[in-house]
Amino acid sequence: MRLTEFWWRMERHLGKDYADSWARDQVIGELGSRTVYEALDAGEYPKVVWRAVCDVLELPANER
């Protein structure tokens, strides 16, 4: 998954403004207790981050 697709999915589920805010503020245990931005900046693959986001948001399996 490319970053552009990752952010498209984030915006699709959370809205453009809230997706950015949520990604900066929400600490996710599956990502080593980091935010989305921290995980991506540390080199985590967008697909791994997306799956962690799906778990937190309780999105259906077909969104993964």
N, C-alpha and C. Protein backbone atom coordinates (compact mmCIF):
# COMPACT_ATOMS: atom_id res chain seq x y z
N MET A 1 0.84 -1.17 0.00
CA MET A 1 0.00 0.00 0.00
C MET A 1 0.89 1.24 0.00
N ARG A 2 0.57 2.18 -0.84
CA ARG A 2 1.29 3.45 -0.89
C ARG A 2 0.70 4.42 0.12
N LEU A 3 1.48 5.41 0.48
CA LEU A 3 1.00 6.42 1.43
C LEU A 3 -0.24 7.14 0.90
N THR A 4 -0.29 7.38 -0.39
CA THR A 4 -1.46 8.08 -0.94
C THR A 4 -2.73 7.27 -0.71
N GLU A 5 -2.65 5.96 -0.90
CA GLU A 5 -3.82 5.12 -0.65
C GLU A 5 -4.15 5.09 0.84
N PHE A 6 -3.12 5.02 1.68
CA PHE A 6 -3.34 5.02 3.12
C PHE A 6 -4.13 6.27 3.53
N TRP A 7 -3.66 7.44 3.09
CA TRP A 7 -4.34 8.68 3.50
C TRP A 7 -5.72 8.81 2.86
N TRP A 8 -5.90 8.28 1.66
CA TRP A 8 -7.23 8.28 1.04
C TRP A 8 -8.20 7.48 1.91
N ARG A 9 -7.74 6.31 2.39
CA ARG A 9 -8.59 5.48 3.24
C ARG A 9 -8.88 6.17 4.57
N MET A 10 -7.87 6.79 5.15
CA MET A 10 -8.07 7.51 6.41
C MET A 10 -9.13 8.59 6.24
N GLU A 11 -9.01 9.37 5.19
CA GLU A 11 -9.96 10.46 4.93
C GLU A 11 -11.34 9.92 4.60
N ARG A 12 -11.40 8.81 3.93
CA ARG A 12 -12.69 8.20 3.60
C ARG A 12 -13.46 7.80 4.86
N HIS A 13 -12.74 7.30 5.86
CA HIS A 13 -13.40 6.82 7.07
C HIS A 13 -13.56 7.88 8.15
N LEU A 14 -12.67 8.85 8.18
CA LEU A 14 -12.70 9.83 9.27
C LEU A 14 -12.97 11.26 8.81
N GLY A 15 -12.96 11.50 7.52
CA GLY A 15 -13.07 12.86 7.03
C GLY A 15 -11.69 13.49 6.96
N LYS A 16 -11.51 14.44 6.05
CA LYS A 16 -10.18 15.00 5.79
C LYS A 16 -9.55 15.63 7.02
N ASP A 17 -10.25 16.53 7.67
CA ASP A 17 -9.68 17.24 8.81
C ASP A 17 -9.48 16.32 10.01
N TYR A 18 -10.46 15.50 10.30
CA TYR A 18 -10.36 14.64 11.48
C TYR A 18 -9.32 13.55 11.29
N ALA A 19 -9.13 13.06 10.08
CA ALA A 19 -8.13 12.02 9.82
C ALA A 19 -6.74 12.49 10.23
N ASP A 20 -6.40 13.71 9.87
CA ASP A 20 -5.10 14.27 10.23
C ASP A 20 -4.97 14.42 11.73
N SER A 21 -5.96 14.97 12.36
CA SER A 21 -5.94 15.17 13.82
C SER A 21 -5.86 13.84 14.55
N TRP A 22 -6.67 12.88 14.12
CA TRP A 22 -6.69 11.56 14.75
C TRP A 22 -5.33 10.89 14.61
N ALA A 23 -4.72 11.01 13.44
CA ALA A 23 -3.42 10.39 13.18
C ALA A 23 -2.32 11.01 14.03
N ARG A 24 -2.48 12.24 14.43
CA ARG A 24 -1.49 12.92 15.27
C ARG A 24 -1.69 12.62 16.75
N ASP A 25 -2.93 12.36 17.15
CA ASP A 25 -3.25 12.27 18.58
C ASP A 25 -3.49 10.86 19.11
N GLN A 26 -4.01 9.97 18.29
CA GLN A 26 -4.38 8.64 18.75
C GLN A 26 -3.15 7.75 18.89
N VAL A 27 -2.86 7.31 20.10
CA VAL A 27 -1.74 6.40 20.34
C VAL A 27 -2.28 4.97 20.20
N ILE A 28 -1.61 4.18 19.39
CA ILE A 28 -2.07 2.83 19.07
C ILE A 28 -1.06 1.81 19.62
N GLY A 29 -1.53 0.96 20.50
CA GLY A 29 -0.67 -0.04 21.12
C GLY A 29 0.00 -0.96 20.13
N GLU A 30 -0.74 -1.38 19.10
CA GLU A 30 -0.19 -2.28 18.08
C GLU A 30 0.98 -1.67 17.32
N LEU A 31 1.09 -0.37 17.39
CA LEU A 31 2.18 0.33 16.70
C LEU A 31 3.28 0.72 17.67
N GLY A 32 3.37 -0.01 18.76
CA GLY A 32 4.41 0.28 19.75
C GLY A 32 4.09 1.52 20.57
N SER A 33 2.80 1.72 20.81
CA SER A 33 2.31 2.90 21.55
C SER A 33 2.77 4.19 20.87
N ARG A 34 2.62 4.21 19.56
CA ARG A 34 2.93 5.39 18.76
C ARG A 34 1.68 5.84 18.03
N THR A 35 1.72 7.07 17.56
CA THR A 35 0.64 7.58 16.70
C THR A 35 0.90 7.10 15.28
N VAL A 36 -0.07 7.32 14.43
CA VAL A 36 0.08 6.98 13.01
C VAL A 36 1.29 7.71 12.43
N TYR A 37 1.38 9.00 12.69
CA TYR A 37 2.50 9.77 12.15
C TYR A 37 3.84 9.27 12.68
N GLU A 38 3.91 8.97 13.96
CA GLU A 38 5.16 8.47 14.53
C GLU A 38 5.56 7.13 13.91
N ALA A 39 4.59 6.26 13.73
CA ALA A 39 4.87 4.95 13.14
C ALA A 39 5.34 5.09 11.70
N LEU A 40 4.65 5.91 10.93
CA LEU A 40 5.05 6.10 9.53
C LEU A 40 6.42 6.77 9.45
N ASP A 41 6.67 7.76 10.29
CA ASP A 41 7.97 8.45 10.29
C ASP A 41 9.10 7.50 10.69
N ALA A 42 8.78 6.50 11.50
CA ALA A 42 9.79 5.53 11.93
C ALA A 42 10.03 4.45 10.88
N GLY A 43 9.28 4.51 9.77
CA GLY A 43 9.50 3.57 8.68
C GLY A 43 8.55 2.39 8.64
N GLU A 44 7.53 2.41 9.48
CA GLU A 44 6.55 1.31 9.45
C GLU A 44 5.81 1.35 8.12
N TYR A 45 5.54 0.17 7.58
CA TYR A 45 4.81 0.08 6.31
C TYR A 45 3.38 0.60 6.48
N PRO A 46 2.91 1.38 5.50
CA PRO A 46 1.54 1.90 5.58
C PRO A 46 0.49 0.81 5.76
N LYS A 47 0.69 -0.36 5.15
CA LYS A 47 -0.29 -1.45 5.29
C LYS A 47 -0.37 -1.93 6.74
N VAL A 48 0.77 -2.01 7.41
CA VAL A 48 0.79 -2.41 8.82
C VAL A 48 0.06 -1.36 9.67
N VAL A 49 0.33 -0.10 9.38
CA VAL A 49 -0.34 0.98 10.12
C VAL A 49 -1.83 0.95 9.84
N TRP A 50 -2.20 0.72 8.58
CA TRP A 50 -3.62 0.68 8.23
C TRP A 50 -4.34 -0.44 8.98
N ARG A 51 -3.73 -1.60 9.07
CA ARG A 51 -4.36 -2.71 9.79
C ARG A 51 -4.56 -2.37 11.26
N ALA A 52 -3.60 -1.68 11.85
CA ALA A 52 -3.74 -1.26 13.25
C ALA A 52 -4.88 -0.24 13.38
N VAL A 53 -4.98 0.67 12.43
CA VAL A 53 -6.07 1.65 12.43
C VAL A 53 -7.41 0.93 12.32
N CYS A 54 -7.48 -0.06 11.42
CA CYS A 54 -8.72 -0.83 11.26
C CYS A 54 -9.13 -1.48 12.58
N ASP A 55 -8.18 -2.02 13.31
CA ASP A 55 -8.48 -2.65 14.59
C ASP A 55 -9.04 -1.63 15.58
N VAL A 56 -8.41 -0.49 15.68
CA VAL A 56 -8.86 0.54 16.62
C VAL A 56 -10.25 1.06 16.24
N LEU A 57 -10.46 1.28 14.96
CA LEU A 57 -11.75 1.81 14.50
C LEU A 57 -12.81 0.72 14.34
N GLU A 58 -12.39 -0.53 14.54
CA GLU A 58 -13.28 -1.68 14.40
C GLU A 58 -13.95 -1.71 13.02
N LEU A 59 -13.13 -1.50 11.99
CA LEU A 59 -13.62 -1.55 10.63
C LEU A 59 -13.77 -3.00 10.20
N PRO A 60 -14.70 -3.29 9.30
CA PRO A 60 -14.92 -4.67 8.86
C PRO A 60 -13.71 -5.22 8.12
N ALA A 61 -13.62 -6.53 8.08
CA ALA A 61 -12.49 -7.22 7.47
C ALA A 61 -12.28 -6.83 6.01
N ASN A 62 -13.33 -6.52 5.30
CA ASN A 62 -13.19 -6.16 3.87
C ASN A 62 -12.51 -4.82 3.67
N GLU A 63 -12.26 -4.06 4.72
CA GLU A 63 -11.57 -2.77 4.62
C GLU A 63 -10.07 -2.93 4.76
N ARG A 64 -9.61 -4.10 5.14
CA ARG A 64 -8.19 -4.32 5.36
C ARG A 64 -7.51 -4.54 4.06
